[in-house]
C-alpha atoms as a PDB file:
ATOM      1  CA  MET A   1      -1.803 -20.456 -21.713  1.00  0.00           C
ATOM      2  CA  THR A   2      -3.830 -17.631 -20.157  1.00  0.00           C
ATOM      3  CA  ARG A   3      -3.521 -16.860 -16.448  1.00  0.00           C
ATOM      4  CA  ARG A   4      -7.111 -18.059 -15.959  1.00  0.00           C
ATOM      5  CA  ALA A   5      -6.345 -21.386 -17.635  1.00  0.00           C
ATOM      6  CA  MET A   6      -3.118 -21.763 -15.712  1.00  0.00           C
ATOM      7  CA  LEU A   7      -4.856 -21.180 -12.395  1.00  0.00           C
ATOM      8  CA  GLY A   8      -7.570 -23.627 -13.339  1.00  0.00           C
ATOM      9  CA  SER A   9      -5.022 -26.320 -14.092  1.00  0.00           C
ATOM     10  CA  LEU A  10      -3.227 -25.692 -10.802  1.00  0.00           C
ATOM     11  CA  ALA A  11      -6.478 -25.878  -8.862  1.00  0.00           C
ATOM     12  CA  ALA A  12      -7.244 -29.239 -10.432  1.00  0.00           C
ATOM     13  CA  LEU A  13      -4.059 -30.818  -9.134  1.00  0.00           C
ATOM     14  CA  PRO A  14      -4.459 -33.190  -6.176  1.00  0.00           C
ATOM     15  CA  ILE A  15      -3.154 -32.362  -2.727  1.00  0.00           C
ATOM     16  CA  LEU A  16       0.316 -33.834  -2.381  1.00  0.00           C
ATOM     17  CA  GLY A  17       0.743 -35.897   0.769  1.00  0.00           C
ATOM     18  CA  ALA A  18       3.803 -36.509   2.895  1.00  0.00           C
ATOM     19  CA  GLN A  19       4.726 -39.535   0.767  1.00  0.00           C
ATOM     20  CA  ALA A  20       5.120 -37.527  -2.446  1.00  0.00           C
ATOM     21  CA  PRO A  21       8.774 -37.404  -3.558  1.00  0.00           C
ATOM     22  CA  LEU A  22      10.521 -34.082  -3.268  1.00  0.00           C
ATOM     23  CA  ALA A  23      12.580 -32.697  -6.124  1.00  0.00           C
ATOM     24  CA  PHE A  24      14.699 -29.711  -5.176  1.00  0.00           C
ATOM     25  CA  ALA A  25      17.781 -28.038  -6.543  1.00  0.00           C
ATOM     26  CA  SER A  26      20.879 -29.954  -5.521  1.00  0.00           C
ATOM     27  CA  GLU A  27      22.834 -28.415  -2.647  1.00  0.00           C
ATOM     28  CA  ALA A  28      25.599 -29.645  -0.392  1.00  0.00           C
ATOM     29  CA  PRO A  29      24.097 -31.529   2.585  1.00  0.00           C
ATOM     30  CA  GLY A  30      23.438 -29.195   5.483  1.00  0.00           C
ATOM     31  CA  SER A  31      24.134 -26.068   3.423  1.00  0.00           C
ATOM     32  CA  ASP A  32      22.445 -22.808   4.335  1.00  0.00           C
ATOM     33  CA  GLN A  33      20.467 -23.004   1.101  1.00  0.00           C
ATOM     34  CA  GLU A  34      18.809 -26.197   2.361  1.00  0.00           C
ATOM     35  CA  LYS A  35      17.934 -24.939   5.830  1.00  0.00           C
ATOM     36  CA  SER A  36      14.533 -23.406   6.465  1.00  0.00           C
ATOM     37  CA  ARG A  37      13.606 -20.876   9.128  1.00  0.00           C
ATOM     38  CA  LEU A  38      10.107 -20.365  10.510  1.00  0.00           C
ATOM     39  CA  ILE A  39       9.500 -16.986  12.130  1.00  0.00           C
ATOM     40  CA  LEU A  40       6.224 -16.091  13.834  1.00  0.00           C
ATOM     41  CA  LEU A  41       5.825 -12.430  12.962  1.00  0.00           C
ATOM     42  CA  GLY A  42       2.454 -11.950  14.666  1.00  0.00           C
ATOM     43  CA  THR A  43       0.477 -14.348  16.871  1.00  0.00           C
ATOM     44  CA  ALA A  44      -2.709 -12.518  17.889  1.00  0.00           C
ATOM     45  CA  GLY A  45      -6.149 -13.466  16.667  1.00  0.00           C
ATOM     46  CA  GLY A  46      -8.809 -10.981  15.633  1.00  0.00           C
ATOM     47  CA  PRO A  47      -8.772  -7.564  13.948  1.00  0.00           C
ATOM     48  CA  SER A  48      -8.378  -5.278  16.980  1.00  0.00           C
ATOM     49  CA  PRO A  49      -4.786  -4.227  17.758  1.00  0.00           C
ATOM     50  CA  LYS A  50      -3.346  -5.943  20.853  1.00  0.00           C
ATOM     51  CA  PRO A  51      -0.765  -4.536  23.294  1.00  0.00           C
ATOM     52  CA  ASN A  52       1.089  -7.835  23.656  1.00  0.00           C
ATOM     53  CA  ARG A  53       0.809  -9.554  20.266  1.00  0.00           C
ATOM     54  CA  ALA A  54       1.025  -8.376  16.658  1.00  0.00           C
ATOM     55  CA  ALA A  55      -1.522  -9.277  13.988  1.00  0.00           C
ATOM     56  CA  PRO A  56      -1.325 -12.676  12.239  1.00  0.00           C
ATOM     57  CA  ALA A  57       1.687 -13.211   9.978  1.00  0.00           C
ATOM     58  CA  GLN A  58       4.471 -15.764   9.510  1.00  0.00           C
ATOM     59  CA  ALA A  59       7.623 -16.022   7.443  1.00  0.00           C
ATOM     60  CA  VAL A  60       9.299 -19.076   5.955  1.00  0.00           C
ATOM     61  CA  VAL A  61      12.894 -18.378   4.955  1.00  0.00           C
ATOM     62  CA  VAL A  62      14.807 -20.761   2.706  1.00  0.00           C
ATOM     63  CA  GLY A  63      18.249 -19.647   1.653  1.00  0.00           C
ATOM     64  CA  ASP A  64      17.934 -15.978   0.735  1.00  0.00           C
ATOM     65  CA  ALA A  65      14.219 -16.170  -0.144  1.00  0.00           C
ATOM     66  CA  VAL A  66      11.429 -15.052   2.196  1.00  0.00           C
ATOM     67  CA  TYR A  67       7.856 -16.332   1.901  1.00  0.00           C
ATOM     68  CA  VAL A  68       5.196 -14.490   3.922  1.00  0.00           C
ATOM     69  CA  VAL A  69       2.029 -16.224   5.100  1.00  0.00           C
ATOM     70  CA  ASP A  70      -0.737 -13.740   5.941  1.00  0.00           C
ATOM     71  CA  CYS A  71      -0.320  -9.997   6.166  1.00  0.00           C
ATOM     72  CA  GLY A  72      -1.836  -8.642   9.358  1.00  0.00           C
ATOM     73  CA  ASN A  73      -1.435  -5.019  10.359  1.00  0.00           C
ATOM     74  CA  GLY A  74       2.239  -4.085  10.824  1.00  0.00           C
ATOM     75  CA  VAL A  75       3.742  -7.096   9.051  1.00  0.00           C
ATOM     76  CA  ALA A  76       6.466  -5.037   7.338  1.00  0.00           C
ATOM     77  CA  ARG A  77       7.728  -3.653  10.641  1.00  0.00           C
ATOM     78  CA  GLN A  78       7.609  -7.119  12.210  1.00  0.00           C
ATOM     79  CA  MET A  79       9.813  -8.371   9.369  1.00  0.00           C
ATOM     80  CA  ILE A  80      12.346  -5.619  10.065  1.00  0.00           C
ATOM     81  CA  LEU A  81      12.305  -6.435  13.782  1.00  0.00           C
ATOM     82  CA  ALA A  82      12.954 -10.076  12.848  1.00  0.00           C
ATOM     83  CA  GLY A  83      15.968  -9.048  10.791  1.00  0.00           C
ATOM     84  CA  LEU A  84      14.385  -9.952   7.448  1.00  0.00           C
ATOM     85  CA  ARG A  85      14.924  -7.968   4.255  1.00  0.00           C
ATOM     86  CA  LEU A  86      11.749  -6.707   2.618  1.00  0.00           C
ATOM     87  CA  ASP A  87      13.381  -6.939  -0.798  1.00  0.00           C
ATOM     88  CA  ALA A  88      13.949 -10.673  -0.196  1.00  0.00           C
ATOM     89  CA  ILE A  89      10.228 -11.476  -0.413  1.00  0.00           C
ATOM     90  CA  ARG A  90       9.619 -14.033  -3.151  1.00  0.00           C
ATOM     91  CA  GLY A  91       6.069 -15.101  -2.316  1.00  0.00           C
ATOM     92  CA  VAL A  92       3.048 -13.924  -0.322  1.00  0.00           C
ATOM     93  CA  PHE A  93       0.328 -16.366   0.735  1.00  0.00           C
ATOM     94  CA  VAL A  94      -2.986 -15.077   2.114  1.00  0.00           C
ATOM     95  CA  THR A  95      -5.142 -17.699   3.842  1.00  0.00           C
ATOM     96  CA  HIS A  96      -8.446 -15.817   3.683  1.00  0.00           C
ATOM     97  CA  HIS A  97      -9.957 -12.368   3.467  1.00  0.00           C
ATOM     98  CA  HIS A  98     -10.534 -11.356   7.056  1.00  0.00           C
ATOM     99  CA  SER A  99      -8.865  -8.034   7.812  1.00  0.00           C
ATOM    100  CA  ASP A 100      -6.542  -9.433  10.489  1.00  0.00           C
ATOM    101  CA  HIS A 101      -5.006 -11.610   7.744  1.00  0.00           C
ATOM    102  CA  ASN A 102      -4.969  -9.277   4.735  1.00  0.00           C
ATOM    103  CA  ALA A 103      -5.004  -5.685   6.047  1.00  0.00           C
ATOM    104  CA  ASP A 104      -1.381  -5.095   5.040  1.00  0.00           C
ATOM    105  CA  TYR A 105      -1.216  -7.261   1.924  1.00  0.00           C
ATOM    106  CA  GLY A 106      -0.827  -4.260  -0.355  1.00  0.00           C
ATOM    107  CA  ASN A 107       1.123  -2.203   2.173  1.00  0.00           C
ATOM    108  CA  LEU A 108       3.710  -4.963   2.563  1.00  0.00           C
ATOM    109  CA  MET A 109       4.392  -4.920  -1.156  1.00  0.00           C
ATOM    110  CA  LEU A 110       4.417  -1.103  -1.329  1.00  0.00           C
ATOM    111  CA  LEU A 111       6.906  -0.865   1.544  1.00  0.00           C
ATOM    112  CA  ALA A 112       9.060  -3.666   0.126  1.00  0.00           C
ATOM    113  CA  TRP A 113       9.112  -1.779  -3.194  1.00  0.00           C
ATOM    114  CA  ALA A 114      10.211   1.360  -1.318  1.00  0.00           C
ATOM    115  CA  ASN A 115      12.987  -0.791   0.170  1.00  0.00           C
ATOM    116  CA  ASN A 116      14.357  -1.726  -3.262  1.00  0.00           C
ATOM    117  CA  LEU A 117      12.271  -4.772  -4.117  1.00  0.00           C
ATOM    118  CA  SER A 118      12.984  -5.373  -7.787  1.00  0.00           C
ATOM    119  CA  SER A 119      11.996  -9.022  -8.382  1.00  0.00           C
ATOM    120  CA  PRO A 120       8.394 -10.005  -9.160  1.00  0.00           C
ATOM    121  CA  VAL A 121       6.474 -11.572  -6.281  1.00  0.00           C
ATOM    122  CA  ASP A 122       3.773 -14.186  -6.777  1.00  0.00           C
ATOM    123  CA  CYS A 123       0.931 -13.357  -4.399  1.00  0.00           C
ATOM    124  CA  TYR A 124      -1.454 -16.246  -3.662  1.00  0.00           C
ATOM    125  CA  GLY A 125      -4.863 -16.179  -2.038  1.00  0.00           C
ATOM    126  CA  PRO A 126      -8.586 -16.631  -2.563  1.00  0.00           C
ATOM    127  CA  PRO A 127     -10.605 -14.405  -4.891  1.00  0.00           C
ATOM    128  CA  PRO A 128     -10.923 -11.445  -5.192  1.00  0.00           C
ATOM    129  CA  LEU A 129      -7.141 -11.099  -4.712  1.00  0.00           C
ATOM    130  CA  ALA A 130      -6.606  -9.844  -8.270  1.00  0.00           C
ATOM    131  CA  ARG A 131      -9.244  -7.121  -7.914  1.00  0.00           C
ATOM    132  CA  MET A 132      -7.881  -6.163  -4.484  1.00  0.00           C
ATOM    133  CA  THR A 133      -4.436  -5.772  -6.028  1.00  0.00           C
ATOM    134  CA  GLU A 134      -5.736  -3.549  -8.819  1.00  0.00           C
ATOM    135  CA  GLN A 135      -7.635  -1.372  -6.372  1.00  0.00           C
ATOM    136  CA  PHE A 136      -4.661  -1.047  -4.044  1.00  0.00           C
ATOM    137  CA  LEU A 137      -2.448   0.081  -6.916  1.00  0.00           C
ATOM    138  CA  ALA A 138      -5.084   2.609  -7.962  1.00  0.00           C
ATOM    139  CA  LEU A 139      -5.439   3.900  -4.388  1.00  0.00           C
ATOM    140  CA  ASN A 140      -1.694   4.507  -4.130  1.00  0.00           C
ATOM    141  CA  ASP A 141      -1.108   5.591  -7.712  1.00  0.00           C
ATOM    142  CA  TYR A 142      -0.047   9.139  -6.788  1.00  0.00           C
ATOM    143  CA  ASP A 143       2.719   7.946  -4.451  1.00  0.00           C
ATOM    144  CA  ILE A 144       3.782   5.205  -6.861  1.00  0.00           C
ATOM    145  CA  GLN A 145       4.011   7.499  -9.874  1.00  0.00           C
ATOM    146  CA  THR A 146       5.834  10.135  -7.837  1.00  0.00           C
ATOM    147  CA  ARG A 147       8.472   7.660  -6.715  1.00  0.00           C
ATOM    148  CA  ILE A 148       8.862   6.256 -10.224  1.00  0.00           C
ATOM    149  CA  SER A 149       9.603   9.709 -11.660  1.00  0.00           C
ATOM    150  CA  ASP A 150      11.441  11.137  -8.646  1.00  0.00           C
ATOM    151  CA  GLU A 151      13.430   8.083  -7.516  1.00  0.00           C
ATOM    152  CA  GLY A 152      13.719   6.085 -10.712  1.00  0.00           C
ATOM    153  CA  ARG A 153      11.869   3.028  -9.450  1.00  0.00           C
ATOM    154  CA  VAL A 154      10.329   0.385 -11.672  1.00  0.00           C
ATOM    155  CA  PRO A 155       6.501   0.224 -11.695  1.00  0.00           C
ATOM    156  CA  LEU A 156       5.095  -1.637  -8.697  1.00  0.00           C
ATOM    157  CA  SER A 157       2.346  -3.150 -10.846  1.00  0.00           C
ATOM    158  CA  GLY A 158       4.907  -5.326 -12.586  1.00  0.00           C
ATOM    159  CA  LEU A 159       6.137  -6.762  -9.293  1.00  0.00           C
ATOM    160  CA  MET A 160       2.773  -7.849  -7.829  1.00  0.00           C
ATOM    161  CA  ARG A 161       1.506 -11.019  -9.544  1.00  0.00           C
ATOM    162  CA  PRO A 162      -1.783 -12.110  -7.918  1.00  0.00           C
ATOM    163  CA  GLN A 163      -2.653 -15.797  -8.274  1.00  0.00           C
ATOM    164  CA  GLU A 164      -6.182 -16.644  -7.153  1.00  0.00           C
ATOM    165  CA  ILE A 165      -6.826 -20.016  -5.487  1.00  0.00           C
ATOM    166  CA  SER A 166     -10.269 -21.546  -5.158  1.00  0.00           C
ATOM    167  CA  ALA A 167      -9.418 -25.227  -4.656  1.00  0.00           C
ATOM    168  CA  GLY A 168      -6.847 -27.427  -2.990  1.00  0.00           C
ATOM    169  CA  GLY A 169      -3.709 -28.576  -4.762  1.00  0.00           C
ATOM    170  CA  LEU A 170      -0.204 -27.557  -5.719  1.00  0.00           C
ATOM    171  CA  VAL A 171       0.057 -23.761  -5.921  1.00  0.00           C
ATOM    172  CA  HIS A 172       3.802 -23.081  -6.018  1.00  0.00           C
ATOM    173  CA  GLN A 173       6.808 -25.149  -7.096  1.00  0.00           C
ATOM    174  CA  GLY A 174      10.154 -23.452  -6.694  1.00  0.00           C
ATOM    175  CA  ALA A 175      13.724 -24.682  -6.688  1.00  0.00           C
ATOM    176  CA  ARG A 176      13.689 -25.277  -2.936  1.00  0.00           C
ATOM    177  CA  VAL A 177      10.071 -24.799  -1.823  1.00  0.00           C
ATOM    178  CA  ARG A 178       6.868 -26.526  -2.820  1.00  0.00           C
ATOM    179  CA  VAL A 179       3.587 -25.129  -1.504  1.00  0.00           C
ATOM    180  CA  THR A 180       0.301 -27.018  -1.450  1.00  0.00           C
ATOM    181  CA  ALA A 181      -3.075 -25.599  -0.424  1.00  0.00           C
ATOM    182  CA  ALA A 182      -6.169 -27.164   1.097  1.00  0.00           C
ATOM    183  CA  LEU A 183      -9.650 -25.725   1.573  1.00  0.00           C
ATOM    184  CA  VAL A 184     -10.528 -25.392   5.262  1.00  0.00           C
ATOM    185  CA  ASP A 185     -13.724 -24.431   7.095  1.00  0.00           C
ATOM    186  CA  HIS A 186     -14.015 -20.881   8.388  1.00  0.00           C
ATOM    187  CA  PRO A 187     -17.648 -19.877   7.968  1.00  0.00           C
ATOM    188  CA  PRO A 188     -18.901 -17.565   6.674  1.00  0.00           C
ATOM    189  CA  VAL A 189     -15.650 -16.764   4.825  1.00  0.00           C
ATOM    190  CA  THR A 190     -15.131 -18.932   1.777  1.00  0.00           C
ATOM    191  CA  PRO A 191     -12.830 -20.028   0.327  1.00  0.00           C
ATOM    192  CA  ALA A 192     -10.393 -20.197   3.234  1.00  0.00           C
ATOM    193  CA  LEU A 193      -7.033 -21.902   2.803  1.00  0.00           C
ATOM    194  CA  ALA A 194      -4.340 -23.769   4.691  1.00  0.00           C
ATOM    195  CA  TYR A 195      -0.847 -24.053   3.223  1.00  0.00           C
ATOM    196  CA  ARG A 196       1.863 -26.708   3.425  1.00  0.00           C
ATOM    197  CA  PHE A 197       5.478 -25.737   2.720  1.00  0.00           C
ATOM    198  CA  ASP A 198       7.726 -28.652   1.794  1.00  0.00           C
ATOM    199  CA  CYS A 199      11.299 -27.411   2.145  1.00  0.00           C
ATOM    200  CA  PRO A 200      14.531 -29.382   1.622  1.00  0.00           C
ATOM    201  CA  ASP A 201      14.906 -30.046   5.370  1.00  0.00           C
ATOM    202  CA  ARG A 202      11.328 -30.180   6.730  1.00  0.00           C
ATOM    203  CA  SER A 203       7.638 -29.567   6.146  1.00  0.00           C
ATOM    204  CA  ILE A 204       5.634 -26.727   7.724  1.00  0.00           C
ATOM    205  CA  VAL A 205       1.842 -26.411   7.664  1.00  0.00           C
ATOM    206  CA  PHE A 206      -0.205 -23.295   8.415  1.00  0.00           C
ATOM    207  CA  SER A 207      -3.842 -23.856   9.318  1.00  0.00           C
ATOM    208  CA  GLY A 208      -5.086 -20.345   8.654  1.00  0.00           C
ATOM    209  CA  ASP A 209      -8.386 -19.725  10.422  1.00  0.00           C
ATOM    210  CA  THR A 210     -10.514 -22.856  10.602  1.00  0.00           C
ATOM    211  CA  ARG A 211     -12.723 -25.060  12.687  1.00  0.00           C
ATOM    212  CA  PRO A 212     -11.655 -28.742  12.788  1.00  0.00           C
ATOM    213  CA  SER A 213     -11.059 -29.749   9.181  1.00  0.00           C
ATOM    214  CA  SER A 214     -10.439 -33.189   7.681  1.00  0.00           C
ATOM    215  CA  ALA A 215      -8.789 -31.494   4.681  1.00  0.00           C
ATOM    216  CA  LEU A 216      -6.305 -29.856   7.012  1.00  0.00           C
ATOM    217  CA  VAL A 217      -5.534 -33.183   8.682  1.00  0.00           C
ATOM    218  CA  ALA A 218      -4.835 -34.694   5.260  1.00  0.00           C
ATOM    219  CA  LEU A 219      -2.630 -31.744   4.272  1.00  0.00           C
ATOM    220  CA  ALA A 220      -0.642 -31.957   7.521  1.00  0.00           C
ATOM    221  CA  LYS A 221      -0.107 -35.756   7.510  1.00  0.00           C
ATOM    222  CA  GLY A 222       3.398 -36.489   8.768  1.00  0.00           C
ATOM    223  CA  ALA A 223       4.457 -32.829   8.758  1.00  0.00           C
ATOM    224  CA  ASP A 224       7.348 -31.720  10.920  1.00  0.00           C
ATOM    225  CA  ILE A 225       5.554 -28.578  12.132  1.00  0.00           C
ATOM    226  CA  LEU A 226       1.896 -27.594  12.284  1.00  0.00           C
ATOM    227  CA  VAL A 227       1.195 -23.929  13.069  1.00  0.00           C
ATOM    228  CA  HIS A 228      -2.428 -23.905  14.153  1.00  0.00           C
ATOM    229  CA  GLU A 229      -4.865 -21.305  15.427  1.00  0.00           C
ATOM    230  CA  VAL A 230      -6.260 -21.936  18.919  1.00  0.00           C
ATOM    231  CA  MET A 231      -9.115 -20.724  21.122  1.00  0.00           C
ATOM    232  CA  HIS A 232      -9.406 -21.031  24.915  1.00  0.00           C
ATOM    233  CA  LEU A 233     -13.087 -21.498  25.698  1.00  0.00           C
ATOM    234  CA  PRO A 234     -12.997 -20.508  29.408  1.00  0.00           C
ATOM    235  CA  ALA A 235     -11.593 -17.104  28.428  1.00  0.00           C
ATOM    236  CA  LEU A 236     -14.141 -16.512  25.693  1.00  0.00           C
ATOM    237  CA  ASP A 237     -16.887 -14.852  27.747  1.00  0.00           C
ATOM    238  CA  PRO A 238     -14.539 -12.348  29.465  1.00  0.00           C
ATOM    239  CA  LEU A 239     -13.130 -11.543  26.009  1.00  0.00           C
ATOM    240  CA  ILE A 240     -16.476 -10.528  24.523  1.00  0.00           C
ATOM    241  CA  ALA A 241     -18.170  -9.239  27.695  1.00  0.00           C
ATOM    242  CA  SER A 242     -17.974  -5.599  26.594  1.00  0.00           C
ATOM    243  CA  GLU A 243     -19.160  -6.251  23.036  1.00  0.00           C
ATOM    244  CA  PRO A 244     -22.714  -5.082  22.247  1.00  0.00           C
ATOM    245  CA  ASN A 245     -23.144  -8.087  19.929  1.00  0.00           C
ATOM    246  CA  ALA A 246     -21.604 -10.596  22.364  1.00  0.00           C
ATOM    247  CA  ARG A 247     -24.032 -13.426  21.631  1.00  0.00           C
ATOM    248  CA  ARG A 248     -23.491 -13.326  17.862  1.00  0.00           C
ATOM    249  CA  LEU A 249     -19.738 -12.938  18.247  1.00  0.00           C
ATOM    250  CA  ARG A 250     -19.609 -15.962  20.570  1.00  0.00           C
ATOM    251  CA  GLU A 251     -21.594 -18.026  18.057  1.00  0.00           C
ATOM    252  CA  HIS A 252     -19.193 -17.035  15.274  1.00  0.00           C
ATOM    253  CA  LEU A 253     -16.071 -17.867  17.283  1.00  0.00           C
ATOM    254  CA  ILE A 254     -17.334 -21.295  18.310  1.00  0.00           C
ATOM    255  CA  ALA A 255     -18.570 -22.112  14.791  1.00  0.00           C
ATOM    256  CA  SER A 256     -15.438 -21.089  12.905  1.00  0.00           C
ATOM    257  CA  HIS A 257     -12.403 -21.627  15.156  1.00  0.00           C
ATOM    258  CA  THR A 258     -10.590 -24.496  16.910  1.00  0.00           C
ATOM    259  CA  THR A 259     -10.518 -25.083  20.664  1.00  0.00           C
ATOM    260  CA  THR A 260      -7.492 -26.219  22.650  1.00  0.00           C
ATOM    261  CA  GLU A 261      -8.865 -29.757  22.859  1.00  0.00           C
ATOM    262  CA  GLN A 262      -9.651 -29.903  19.158  1.00  0.00           C
ATOM    263  CA  VAL A 263      -6.235 -28.620  18.054  1.00  0.00           C
ATOM    264  CA  GLY A 264      -4.520 -31.309  20.111  1.00  0.00           C
ATOM    265  CA  ARG A 265      -6.641 -34.004  18.523  1.00  0.00           C
ATOM    266  CA  ILE A 266      -5.975 -32.610  15.041  1.00  0.00           C
ATOM    267  CA  ALA A 267      -2.202 -32.687  15.592  1.00  0.00           C
ATOM    268  CA  THR A 268      -2.457 -36.260  16.875  1.00  0.00           C
ATOM    269  CA  GLU A 269      -4.569 -37.420  13.940  1.00  0.00           C
ATOM    270  CA  ALA A 270      -2.203 -35.783  11.458  1.00  0.00           C
ATOM    271  CA  GLY A 271       0.829 -37.347  13.149  1.00  0.00           C
ATOM    272  CA  VAL A 272       2.844 -34.132  13.200  1.00  0.00           C
ATOM    273  CA  LYS A 273       6.043 -33.869  15.200  1.00  0.00           C
ATOM    274  CA  THR A 274       5.651 -30.343  16.563  1.00  0.00           C
ATOM    275  CA  LEU A 275       2.503 -28.293  17.203  1.00  0.00           C
ATOM    276  CA  VAL A 276       2.967 -24.523  17.294  1.00  0.00           C
ATOM    277  CA  LEU A 277       0.042 -22.617  18.811  1.00  0.00           C
ATOM    278  CA  SER A 278      -0.672 -19.226  17.277  1.00  0.00           C
ATOM    279  CA  HIS A 279      -3.537 -16.871  16.345  1.00  0.00           C
ATOM    280  CA  PHE A 280      -4.608 -16.943  19.987  1.00  0.00           C
ATOM    281  CA  VAL A 281      -8.214 -16.243  20.931  1.00  0.00           C
ATOM    282  CA  PRO A 282      -8.036 -14.402  23.212  1.00  0.00           C
ATOM    283  CA  GLY A 283      -4.759 -12.888  22.084  1.00  0.00           C
ATOM    284  CA  GLY A 284      -4.790  -9.807  24.306  1.00  0.00           C
ATOM    285  CA  HIS A 285      -7.214  -9.222  27.169  1.00  0.00           C
ATOM    286  CA  PRO A 286      -7.889 -11.347  29.124  1.00  0.00           C
ATOM    287  CA  PHE A 287      -4.283 -12.541  29.010  1.00  0.00           C
ATOM    288  CA  VAL A 288      -3.961 -16.339  29.126  1.00  0.00           C
ATOM    289  CA  PRO A 289      -0.535 -17.490  30.442  1.00  0.00           C
ATOM    290  CA  ASP A 290       1.547 -19.918  28.382  1.00  0.00           C
ATOM    291  CA  GLU A 291       1.151 -22.704  30.931  1.00  0.00           C
ATOM    292  CA  ILE A 292      -2.633 -22.547  30.620  1.00  0.00           C
ATOM    293  CA  TRP A 293      -2.437 -23.066  26.862  1.00  0.00           C
ATOM    294  CA  LEU A 294      -0.041 -25.986  27.375  1.00  0.00           C
ATOM    295  CA  GLU A 295      -2.179 -27.610  30.071  1.00  0.00           C
ATOM    296  CA  ALA A 296      -5.271 -27.382  27.870  1.00  0.00           C
ATOM    297  CA  VAL A 297      -3.635 -28.962  24.801  1.00  0.00           C
ATOM    298  CA  ARG A 298      -1.273 -31.521  26.398  1.00  0.00           C
ATOM    299  CA  PRO A 299      -3.892 -34.204  27.222  1.00  0.00           C
ATOM    300  CA  HIS A 300      -4.708 -34.465  23.531  1.00  0.00           C
ATOM    301  CA  PHE A 301      -1.243 -34.415  21.906  1.00  0.00           C
ATOM    302  CA  ASP A 302       1.955 -36.024  23.182  1.00  0.00           C
ATOM    303  CA  GLY A 303       4.372 -34.456  20.699  1.00  0.00           C
ATOM    304  CA  GLU A 304       6.253 -31.190  21.141  1.00  0.00           C
ATOM    305  CA  ILE A 305       4.007 -28.194  21.839  1.00  0.00           C
ATOM    306  CA  ILE A 306       5.255 -24.632  21.406  1.00  0.00           C
ATOM    307  CA  VAL A 307       3.243 -21.649  22.591  1.00  0.00           C
ATOM    308  CA  GLY A 308       3.975 -19.071  19.932  1.00  0.00           C
ATOM    309  CA  ARG A 309       5.282 -15.592  20.620  1.00  0.00           C
ATOM    310  CA  ASP A 310       5.861 -12.668  18.263  1.00  0.00           C
ATOM    311  CA  LEU A 311       9.274 -12.875  16.544  1.00  0.00           C
ATOM    312  CA  MET A 312       9.867 -16.430  17.820  1.00  0.00           C
ATOM    313  CA  GLU A 313      11.939 -18.579  15.465  1.00  0.00           C
ATOM    314  CA  VAL A 314      11.106 -22.292  15.329  1.00  0.00           C
END
């Protein structure tokens, strides 16, 4: 089967709900191989660097395998600060092609390779991920070839395996992790994806960037954790006050993101146990205290709410 045919067959698979049976490698109950870790590597929203939050990125760790969701600027360093090994990456999942989510996609793999990554990594995301990968390898060919000849490294091209996703469905089935995607709404960027990780001990959903989405609600039904982007409307005008295109930027933010009220209602409709707020808009200046985020979401969701912070483990 060609890669194109394989991807087409994966895209045609239905989204697997919370009721779908899990089939994972057998481990002793409560073993470390069964336990998952969720680490928020970066919780800011938007492409401009922030003094108090890193760019969007998360890690799911199951056993000795690390799966990275989104690759904002500085993701490799955030992994090191979190105590994660770069050569333990087994999958990379990009939600969409805005620069705050993909700026370090290639750099993460290049730096992991320089830190002794030797196992192939499946890299998932919307088109044109394959072309982006080829161009990144070409851009860095001098450094790559130098390190191959000077340090004896294997070619990086053989370790990056881009898998393009254009529809919802099962995208990854491993021994201990199953990942399902859903198409969400983040105009004008399309396709944009959310991901659900079903691990041996719990399920974790990442919204990516989206306005309220029925597909996301379906994907997150009954999940243990929903990591969702969030926007605080009262802080929006101070955020964009200095922008020359403030009116257009405001229209974009309102049309393509999720407010505090909406995210609470989404978590309630999906019936999730824990809502983790991340990808904050605003994520830097003006600074919105944690209690303000909680007060804005609480009337609309009565489960556990966590205001995300960089390097927080959930």
